[in-house]
Amino acid sequence: MDIKAYIESGILELYVAGALSEKENEEVYALMLKHPEILTEVQNIEASIIKLTAATAPQGSKNIFNSIKESLDFNDNDNKVIPLNKGKTNWFNYAGWAASIVLAAGLFWATSENNELKSKIKIAETNEQLLEVQIENANNSLTKAKELISVLRDRNIISVPLDGQQVYPEAYAKVYWDKNSNNIYLDVQGLPTPPEGKVYQVWSLTLNPLTPTSLGILDDFNTDENKIFVIENANASQAFGITLEPAGGSESPTLEQLYTLGVVDTAS
C-alpha cells in the first residue's frame, strides 16, 4: 500500500470531518492502528482544525483567506490564464479544505449549543430552587392554618370581638384568647392600612381603674397576608383595644386614635 498517496488522497480530512460512511470509517480506523504514519497524519489534521477554529475570529480572517488563495495557486498580480498543461487540479486536497471548514463550523455551532444548554440548565436550577421555597412557605402556611383552626375549635378559647370606634367606625377586629397558653390570636383583617410612619399597637385593659398594658406593635401588618398575629398575654385582661401610634409605639395609648375596642365577656 502506498501510504503517501493514501494520505494525499484527502480521505483522512473527510474522516476527521465525519463525512465518511460507517464502513469507510472502520477501514480508516483499521489503517490507523496498522500504520503509525496515518495515525500521526490524522492527529495533525485534528490539530490544524483546532487552529483553524481559533482563527475564525475577525482578526484572523484575512490570513485564512490568503492561505486558501496560496493553496489554490491564486495570485492577485498575475492575471494570466492558467495553461491547460499545468496539470490536473487536486480535487481531493480541495475536498480536505472544505471538510476542515465544515468541521470548524460544526465545532463553533456545538460550542454555542453547549453554552445555551448550560444557560437553560442554570435557569431550570434557579426555578427549581424558587419552587422549593414556595413549597416550603406553603407548607408553613398550612401548618399555621391547621394550628389556628385547632385553636378556634377549642371550647376553652375566649372570643372577644373588637368594634370600630369614632376615628374609623368601619374598622373591626377579633381576639381569640387562650388562657391556658397565655396567648391571644388577633385577627385584624378589618383594619385599614396604616399611613406612612404609623403602626397599630395592641393593648390589654383593666377597666376599674382604666389601666392599659401594651401587648406590642403590629409592625408586620403590611406584609402579613393573613392579618392574624399571635401575641403573648399573661394579663388579667378585661378588654382589648387597638390604637394607631407613631412608628415604634407609645408608652400609653393615644385615645384619639383608638380604632377598635372590645370588652371580655365576664361569663366566659
Protein backbone atom coordinates (compact mmCIF):
# COMPACT_ATOMS: atom_id res chain seq x y z
CA MET A 1 0.00 0.00 0.00
CA ASP A 2 1.30 3.47 -0.94
CA ILE A 3 0.95 5.29 2.40
CA LYS A 4 1.95 8.68 0.97
CA ALA A 5 -0.61 8.51 -1.83
CA TYR A 6 -3.29 7.42 0.63
CA ILE A 7 -2.54 10.38 2.93
CA GLU A 8 -2.57 12.84 -0.01
CA SER A 9 -5.88 11.48 -1.29
CA GLY A 10 -7.89 13.65 1.14
CA ILE A 11 -9.76 10.76 2.73
CA LEU A 12 -8.24 11.45 6.15
CA GLU A 13 -9.65 15.01 6.13
CA LEU A 14 -13.09 13.57 5.33
CA TYR A 15 -12.63 11.06 8.17
CA VAL A 16 -11.88 13.84 10.67
CA ALA A 17 -14.86 15.85 9.35
CA GLY A 18 -17.16 12.86 9.85
CA ALA A 19 -18.10 12.79 6.16
CA LEU A 20 -17.39 9.09 5.54
CA SER A 21 -19.71 6.13 5.77
CA GLU A 22 -19.55 3.77 8.72
CA LYS A 23 -17.70 1.17 6.65
CA GLU A 24 -15.18 3.73 5.38
CA ASN A 25 -14.65 4.98 8.96
CA GLU A 26 -13.88 1.44 10.08
CA GLU A 27 -11.38 0.99 7.22
CA VAL A 28 -9.57 4.23 8.09
CA TYR A 29 -9.51 3.30 11.77
CA ALA A 30 -8.02 -0.11 10.97
CA LEU A 31 -5.29 1.51 8.85
CA MET A 32 -4.55 4.00 11.68
CA LEU A 33 -3.88 1.09 14.02
CA LYS A 34 -1.72 -0.65 11.42
CA HIS A 35 0.26 2.34 10.10
CA PRO A 36 1.60 4.92 12.61
CA GLU A 37 2.12 7.40 9.75
CA ILE A 38 -1.63 7.50 9.10
CA LEU A 39 -2.42 7.95 12.82
CA THR A 40 0.07 10.82 13.03
CA GLU A 41 -1.48 12.49 9.97
CA VAL A 42 -4.99 12.25 11.50
CA GLN A 43 -3.70 13.84 14.70
CA ASN A 44 -2.06 16.62 12.68
CA ILE A 45 -5.31 17.26 10.80
CA GLU A 46 -7.25 17.48 14.06
CA ALA A 47 -4.67 19.96 15.43
CA SER A 48 -4.99 22.03 12.26
CA ILE A 49 -8.77 22.10 12.63
CA ILE A 50 -8.47 23.45 16.18
CA LYS A 51 -6.11 26.19 14.95
CA LEU A 52 -8.47 26.95 12.07
CA THR A 53 -11.38 27.29 14.50
CA ALA A 54 -9.42 29.73 16.65
CA ALA A 55 -8.51 31.70 13.53
CA THR A 56 -12.16 32.29 12.63
CA ALA A 57 -12.04 35.47 14.74
CA PRO A 58 -12.21 38.70 12.65
CA GLN A 59 -8.51 39.49 13.06
CA GLY A 60 -7.53 36.13 11.57
CA SER A 61 -9.92 36.00 8.64
CA LYS A 62 -7.57 37.78 6.22
CA ASN A 63 -4.74 35.35 6.92
CA ILE A 64 -7.03 32.35 6.34
CA PHE A 65 -8.18 33.84 3.03
CA ASN A 66 -4.59 34.39 1.92
CA SER A 67 -3.66 30.84 2.93
CA ILE A 68 -6.51 29.40 0.91
CA LYS A 69 -5.54 31.57 -2.11
CA GLU A 70 -1.97 30.34 -1.88
CA SER A 71 -3.07 26.71 -1.67
CA LEU A 72 -5.21 27.23 -4.79
CA ASP A 73 -2.34 28.99 -6.64
CA PHE A 74 -4.25 32.33 -6.83
CA ASN A 75 -2.10 35.42 -7.37
CA ASP A 76 -3.50 38.96 -7.40
CA ASN A 77 -0.56 40.18 -9.52
CA ASP A 78 -0.88 37.51 -12.15
CA ASN A 79 -3.91 37.85 -14.41
CA LYS A 80 -2.77 35.32 -16.99
CA VAL A 81 -4.94 32.35 -17.82
CA ILE A 82 -3.53 29.18 -16.32
CA PRO A 83 -2.34 26.96 -19.20
CA LEU A 84 -4.01 23.59 -19.61
CA ASN A 85 -0.72 21.74 -19.36
CA LYS A 86 -0.14 22.98 -15.81
CA GLY A 87 -1.51 19.71 -14.50
CA LYS A 88 -4.75 18.30 -13.15
CA THR A 89 -6.37 20.01 -10.19
CA ASN A 90 -6.02 18.01 -6.99
CA TRP A 91 -9.70 17.93 -6.05
CA PHE A 92 -9.02 15.69 -3.07
CA ASN A 93 -6.97 18.47 -1.46
CA TYR A 94 -9.82 20.92 -2.04
CA ALA A 95 -12.22 18.41 -0.52
CA GLY A 96 -9.94 18.23 2.52
CA TRP A 97 -10.07 22.02 2.94
CA ALA A 98 -13.82 22.02 2.55
CA ALA A 99 -14.15 19.27 5.12
CA SER A 100 -11.92 21.22 7.51
CA ILE A 101 -14.06 24.35 7.16
CA VAL A 102 -17.25 22.33 7.66
CA LEU A 103 -15.81 20.73 10.79
CA ALA A 104 -14.69 24.13 12.14
CA ALA A 105 -18.19 25.49 11.64
CA GLY A 106 -19.58 22.38 13.33
CA LEU A 107 -17.30 22.87 16.33
CA PHE A 108 -18.39 26.53 16.62
CA TRP A 109 -22.07 25.51 16.45
CA ALA A 110 -21.56 22.76 19.04
CA THR A 111 -19.87 25.24 21.41
CA SER A 112 -22.74 27.71 21.04
CA GLU A 113 -25.30 24.96 21.64
CA ASN A 114 -23.39 23.81 24.72
CA ASN A 115 -23.32 27.33 26.20
CA GLU A 116 -27.06 27.75 25.52
CA LEU A 117 -27.75 24.39 27.18
CA LYS A 118 -25.72 25.41 30.24
CA SER A 119 -27.74 28.64 30.46
CA LYS A 120 -31.02 26.73 30.27
CA ILE A 121 -29.85 24.29 32.96
CA LYS A 122 -28.91 27.23 35.22
CA ILE A 123 -32.35 28.81 34.73
CA ALA A 124 -34.03 25.47 35.45
CA GLU A 125 -32.00 25.06 38.65
CA THR A 126 -32.95 28.59 39.77
CA ASN A 127 -36.64 27.92 39.05
CA GLU A 128 -36.40 24.67 41.00
CA GLN A 129 -34.92 26.48 44.00
CA LEU A 130 -37.69 29.11 43.86
CA LEU A 131 -40.30 26.36 43.66
CA GLU A 132 -38.78 24.64 46.71
CA VAL A 133 -39.00 27.92 48.65
CA GLN A 134 -42.63 28.38 47.58
CA ILE A 135 -43.48 24.82 48.62
CA GLU A 136 -41.78 25.34 51.99
CA ASN A 137 -43.70 28.59 52.53
CA ALA A 138 -46.94 26.87 51.55
CA ASN A 139 -46.24 24.06 54.00
CA ASN A 140 -45.52 26.58 56.75
CA SER A 141 -48.75 28.43 55.96
CA LEU A 142 -50.66 25.15 56.02
CA THR A 143 -49.17 24.28 59.41
CA LYS A 144 -50.17 27.68 60.80
CA ALA A 145 -53.65 27.34 59.32
CA LYS A 146 -54.14 23.95 60.96
CA GLU A 147 -52.88 25.33 64.27
CA LEU A 148 -55.30 28.27 64.03
CA ILE A 149 -58.25 26.01 63.19
CA SER A 150 -57.39 23.86 66.20
CA VAL A 151 -57.32 26.94 68.43
CA LEU A 152 -60.62 28.30 67.11
CA ARG A 153 -62.34 24.97 67.72
CA ASP A 154 -61.12 24.75 71.31
CA ARG A 155 -64.10 25.15 73.61
CA ASN A 156 -61.95 26.93 76.20
CA ILE A 157 -60.99 29.76 73.84
CA ILE A 158 -62.48 33.14 74.74
CA SER A 159 -63.68 35.10 71.70
CA VAL A 160 -63.66 38.90 72.01
CA PRO A 161 -64.98 40.99 69.09
CA LEU A 162 -63.43 44.47 68.77
CA ASP A 163 -65.74 47.06 67.25
CA GLY A 164 -64.78 50.15 65.27
CA GLN A 165 -64.59 53.45 67.14
CA GLN A 166 -65.23 57.08 66.29
CA VAL A 167 -61.96 57.63 64.35
CA TYR A 168 -62.82 54.79 61.95
CA PRO A 169 -66.27 53.23 62.57
CA GLU A 170 -65.87 50.71 59.73
CA ALA A 171 -62.90 49.05 61.47
CA TYR A 172 -63.23 45.72 63.24
CA ALA A 173 -61.01 43.02 64.71
CA LYS A 174 -61.30 39.93 66.89
CA VAL A 175 -59.31 38.41 69.72
CA TYR A 176 -59.17 34.66 70.43
CA TRP A 177 -57.74 34.33 73.94
CA ASP A 178 -56.20 31.05 75.06
CA LYS A 179 -55.70 31.41 78.81
CA ASN A 180 -54.00 28.04 79.05
CA SER A 181 -51.12 29.12 76.81
CA ASN A 182 -51.32 32.82 77.73
CA ASN A 183 -51.61 33.71 74.05
CA ILE A 184 -54.10 35.70 72.03
CA TYR A 185 -54.74 35.16 68.33
CA LEU A 186 -55.55 38.59 66.93
CA ASP A 187 -57.43 38.84 63.62
CA VAL A 188 -57.06 42.38 62.23
CA GLN A 189 -58.33 41.82 58.69
CA GLY A 190 -60.85 44.64 59.26
CA LEU A 191 -58.26 47.36 59.88
CA PRO A 192 -57.20 49.77 57.12
CA THR A 193 -53.57 50.01 56.02
CA PRO A 194 -51.78 52.39 58.41
CA PRO A 195 -50.35 55.61 56.91
CA GLU A 196 -46.62 56.11 56.44
CA GLY A 197 -44.77 56.41 59.75
CA LYS A 198 -47.62 54.89 61.79
CA VAL A 199 -48.20 51.44 63.34
CA TYR A 200 -51.02 49.68 65.14
CA GLN A 201 -50.43 48.98 68.83
CA VAL A 202 -52.39 46.39 70.82
CA TRP A 203 -53.44 47.00 74.42
CA SER A 204 -54.68 44.84 77.28
CA LEU A 205 -57.02 46.85 79.51
CA THR A 206 -58.35 46.61 83.04
CA LEU A 207 -61.41 48.82 83.49
CA ASN A 208 -61.59 49.92 87.11
CA PRO A 209 -59.43 51.88 87.22
CA LEU A 210 -58.66 52.04 83.47
CA THR A 211 -55.15 50.65 83.13
CA PRO A 212 -53.61 49.93 79.70
CA THR A 213 -50.77 47.45 79.17
CA SER A 214 -49.06 47.31 75.79
CA LEU A 215 -49.01 43.90 74.10
CA GLY A 216 -46.79 45.16 71.29
CA ILE A 217 -46.99 46.75 67.85
CA LEU A 218 -48.07 45.17 64.56
CA ASP A 219 -45.01 46.25 62.56
CA ASP A 220 -45.57 43.39 60.07
CA PHE A 221 -49.14 44.46 59.32
CA ASN A 222 -48.48 45.41 55.67
CA THR A 223 -46.51 42.27 54.80
CA ASP A 224 -48.63 39.69 56.65
CA GLU A 225 -51.19 38.30 54.18
CA ASN A 226 -53.39 36.53 56.74
CA LYS A 227 -53.51 39.51 59.11
CA ILE A 228 -53.55 37.10 62.07
CA PHE A 229 -50.99 37.67 64.84
CA VAL A 230 -50.08 35.52 67.82
CA ILE A 231 -49.32 37.70 70.88
CA GLU A 232 -48.35 36.67 74.38
CA ASN A 233 -50.78 37.87 77.05
CA ALA A 234 -50.43 36.82 80.69
CA ASN A 235 -52.52 39.77 81.91
CA ALA A 236 -55.87 39.61 83.64
CA SER A 237 -57.39 41.44 80.68
CA GLN A 238 -60.90 42.85 80.91
CA ALA A 239 -60.81 44.44 77.47
CA PHE A 240 -58.62 44.79 74.40
CA GLY A 241 -58.03 47.84 72.24
CA ILE A 242 -56.02 48.80 69.16
CA THR A 243 -54.70 52.31 68.57
CA LEU A 244 -52.73 53.95 65.77
CA GLU A 245 -49.37 55.17 67.09
CA PRO A 246 -46.13 56.66 65.73
CA ALA A 247 -43.59 54.14 64.43
CA GLY A 248 -42.02 52.29 67.34
CA GLY A 249 -45.14 52.53 69.51
CA SER A 250 -46.12 54.61 72.54
CA GLU A 251 -45.94 54.15 76.33
CA SER A 252 -49.65 54.89 76.65
CA PRO A 253 -52.46 54.67 74.11
CA THR A 254 -53.47 57.70 72.03
CA LEU A 255 -57.22 57.58 72.71
CA GLU A 256 -57.97 59.97 69.83
CA GLN A 257 -56.58 57.24 67.55
CA LEU A 258 -58.47 54.32 69.11
CA TYR A 259 -59.56 52.19 66.15
CA THR A 260 -61.16 49.17 67.84
CA LEU A 261 -62.26 48.23 71.34
CA GLY A 262 -63.85 45.10 72.83
CA VAL A 263 -64.78 44.00 76.34
CA VAL A 264 -64.20 40.45 77.56
CA ASP A 265 -67.48 38.67 78.37
CA THR A 266 -67.31 38.05 82.10
CA ALA A 267 -69.45 34.95 81.67
CA SER A 268 -66.69 33.30 79.59
